[in-house]
C-alpha atoms as a PDB file:
ATOM      1  CA  MET A   1       0.087   0.256   0.020  1.00  0.00           C
ATOM      2  CA  LEU A   2       1.179   3.436  -0.691  1.00  0.00           C
ATOM      3  CA  LYS A   3       2.366   5.624   2.185  1.00  0.00           C
ATOM      4  CA  LYS A   4       1.026   9.511   2.319  1.00  0.00           C
ATOM      5  CA  PRO A   5       4.086  11.750   1.750  1.00  0.00           C
ATOM      6  CA  LYS A   6       4.554  13.981   4.506  1.00  0.00           C
ATOM      7  CA  ILE A   7       5.057  17.728   4.015  1.00  0.00           C
ATOM      8  CA  GLU A   8       7.421  18.648   6.707  1.00  0.00           C
ATOM      9  CA  ASP A   9       7.825  22.224   5.507  1.00  0.00           C
ATOM     10  CA  PRO A  10       4.696  24.543   5.871  1.00  0.00           C
ATOM     11  CA  GLU A  11       6.632  27.147   3.395  1.00  0.00           C
ATOM     12  CA  VAL A  12       5.638  24.756   0.828  1.00  0.00           C
ATOM     13  CA  PHE A  13       2.121  26.007   0.926  1.00  0.00           C
ATOM     14  CA  LYS A  14       3.411  29.642   0.801  1.00  0.00           C
ATOM     15  CA  TYR A  15       4.947  29.006  -2.323  1.00  0.00           C
ATOM     16  CA  ILE A  16       1.970  27.160  -4.019  1.00  0.00           C
ATOM     17  CA  GLY A  17       0.049  29.925  -2.964  1.00  0.00           C
ATOM     18  CA  LEU A  18       2.276  32.473  -4.589  1.00  0.00           C
ATOM     19  CA  ILE A  19       2.385  30.137  -8.056  1.00  0.00           C
ATOM     20  CA  THR A  20      -1.333  30.315  -8.108  1.00  0.00           C
ATOM     21  CA  GLU A  21      -1.979  33.916  -7.300  1.00  0.00           C
ATOM     22  CA  LEU A  22       0.495  34.779  -9.956  1.00  0.00           C
ATOM     23  CA  GLY A  23      -1.243  32.169 -12.473  1.00  0.00           C
ATOM     24  CA  LEU A  24      -4.453  33.606 -11.762  1.00  0.00           C
ATOM     25  CA  SER A  25      -3.911  37.291 -11.791  1.00  0.00           C
ATOM     26  CA  THR A  26      -1.781  37.224 -14.881  1.00  0.00           C
ATOM     27  CA  ALA A  27      -4.745  35.257 -16.589  1.00  0.00           C
ATOM     28  CA  ILE A  28      -7.237  37.041 -15.529  1.00  0.00           C
ATOM     29  CA  VAL A  29      -5.733  40.585 -16.572  1.00  0.00           C
ATOM     30  CA  ILE A  30      -4.939  39.130 -20.121  1.00  0.00           C
ATOM     31  CA  VAL A  31      -8.538  38.036 -20.564  1.00  0.00           C
ATOM     32  CA  ILE A  32     -10.085  41.346 -19.129  1.00  0.00           C
ATOM     33  CA  SER A  33      -7.922  43.055 -21.615  1.00  0.00           C
ATOM     34  CA  VAL A  34      -8.890  41.102 -24.590  1.00  0.00           C
ATOM     35  CA  LEU A  35     -12.326  41.512 -23.687  1.00  0.00           C
ATOM     36  CA  ILE A  36     -12.238  45.357 -23.521  1.00  0.00           C
ATOM     37  CA  THR A  37     -10.490  45.584 -26.701  1.00  0.00           C
ATOM     38  CA  PHE A  38     -12.949  43.089 -28.496  1.00  0.00           C
ATOM     39  CA  TYR A  39     -15.621  45.338 -27.142  1.00  0.00           C
ATOM     40  CA  ILE A  40     -13.958  48.584 -28.556  1.00  0.00           C
ATOM     41  CA  ILE A  41     -13.440  46.815 -31.799  1.00  0.00           C
ATOM     42  CA  ARG A  42     -16.819  46.121 -32.316  1.00  0.00           C
ATOM     43  CA  ALA A  43     -18.332  49.428 -30.739  1.00  0.00           C
ATOM     44  CA  LEU A  44     -15.957  51.283 -33.229  1.00  0.00           C
ATOM     45  CA  ASN A  45     -15.952  49.080 -36.103  1.00  0.00           C
ATOM     46  CA  LEU A  46     -12.392  48.737 -36.068  1.00  0.00           C
ATOM     47  CA  ASN A  47      -9.913  46.010 -37.886  1.00  0.00           C
ATOM     48  CA  THR A  48      -9.101  42.967 -35.741  1.00  0.00           C
ATOM     49  CA  TYR A  49      -5.625  43.600 -36.044  1.00  0.00           C
ATOM     50  CA  PHE A  50      -6.362  45.933 -33.038  1.00  0.00           C
ATOM     51  CA  LEU A  51      -7.108  42.667 -31.012  1.00  0.00           C
ATOM     52  CA  THR A  52      -3.123  42.139 -31.112  1.00  0.00           C
ATOM     53  CA  PHE A  53      -2.724  45.623 -29.379  1.00  0.00           C
ATOM     54  CA  GLY A  54      -4.986  44.535 -26.614  1.00  0.00           C
ATOM     55  CA  ILE A  55      -3.253  41.299 -26.149  1.00  0.00           C
ATOM     56  CA  LEU A  56      -0.003  43.090 -25.681  1.00  0.00           C
ATOM     57  CA  ILE A  57      -1.495  45.758 -23.203  1.00  0.00           C
ATOM     58  CA  GLY A  58      -2.957  42.674 -21.302  1.00  0.00           C
ATOM     59  CA  LEU A  59       0.762  40.908 -21.066  1.00  0.00           C
ATOM     60  CA  ILE A  60       2.331  44.204 -20.187  1.00  0.00           C
ATOM     61  CA  ALA A  61      -0.262  44.608 -17.293  1.00  0.00           C
ATOM     62  CA  GLY A  62      -0.181  40.863 -16.405  1.00  0.00           C
ATOM     63  CA  TYR A  63       3.705  41.067 -16.098  1.00  0.00           C
ATOM     64  CA  PHE A  64       3.559  44.250 -13.971  1.00  0.00           C
ATOM     65  CA  ASN A  65       1.089  42.652 -11.621  1.00  0.00           C
ATOM     66  CA  ALA A  66       3.075  39.519 -11.210  1.00  0.00           C
ATOM     67  CA  TYR A  67       6.270  42.046 -10.466  1.00  0.00           C
ATOM     68  CA  ARG A  68       4.190  43.710  -7.687  1.00  0.00           C
ATOM     69  CA  ILE A  69       3.012  40.166  -6.204  1.00  0.00           C
ATOM     70  CA  ILE A  70       6.275  39.029  -6.130  1.00  0.00           C
ATOM     71  CA  LYS A  71       7.808  42.023  -4.448  1.00  0.00           C
ATOM     72  CA  LYS A  72       5.351  41.971  -1.986  1.00  0.00           C
ATOM     73  CA  PHE A  73       5.822  38.259  -1.403  1.00  0.00           C
ATOM     74  CA  TYR A  74       9.502  38.819  -0.685  1.00  0.00           C
ATOM     75  CA  GLY A  75       9.092  41.920   1.311  1.00  0.00           C
ATOM     76  CA  LYS A  76      11.265  44.195  -0.912  1.00  0.00           C
END
């Protein structure tokens, strides 16, 4: 029978939480940016090439958000 592994270091949960928070916050910012850009494209009847601009804005905002989270996590 398989034994349950013991997690002796409680900091593991802190790092799992950090990774989860980074992934979710980055994905949510990118999705919101793309949705807003898509809405603007449809409202103003623009070319769909502007969606690339929305994706880039979302990526930049996501990375900036991830930087802030990591900075807060390490207390710098």
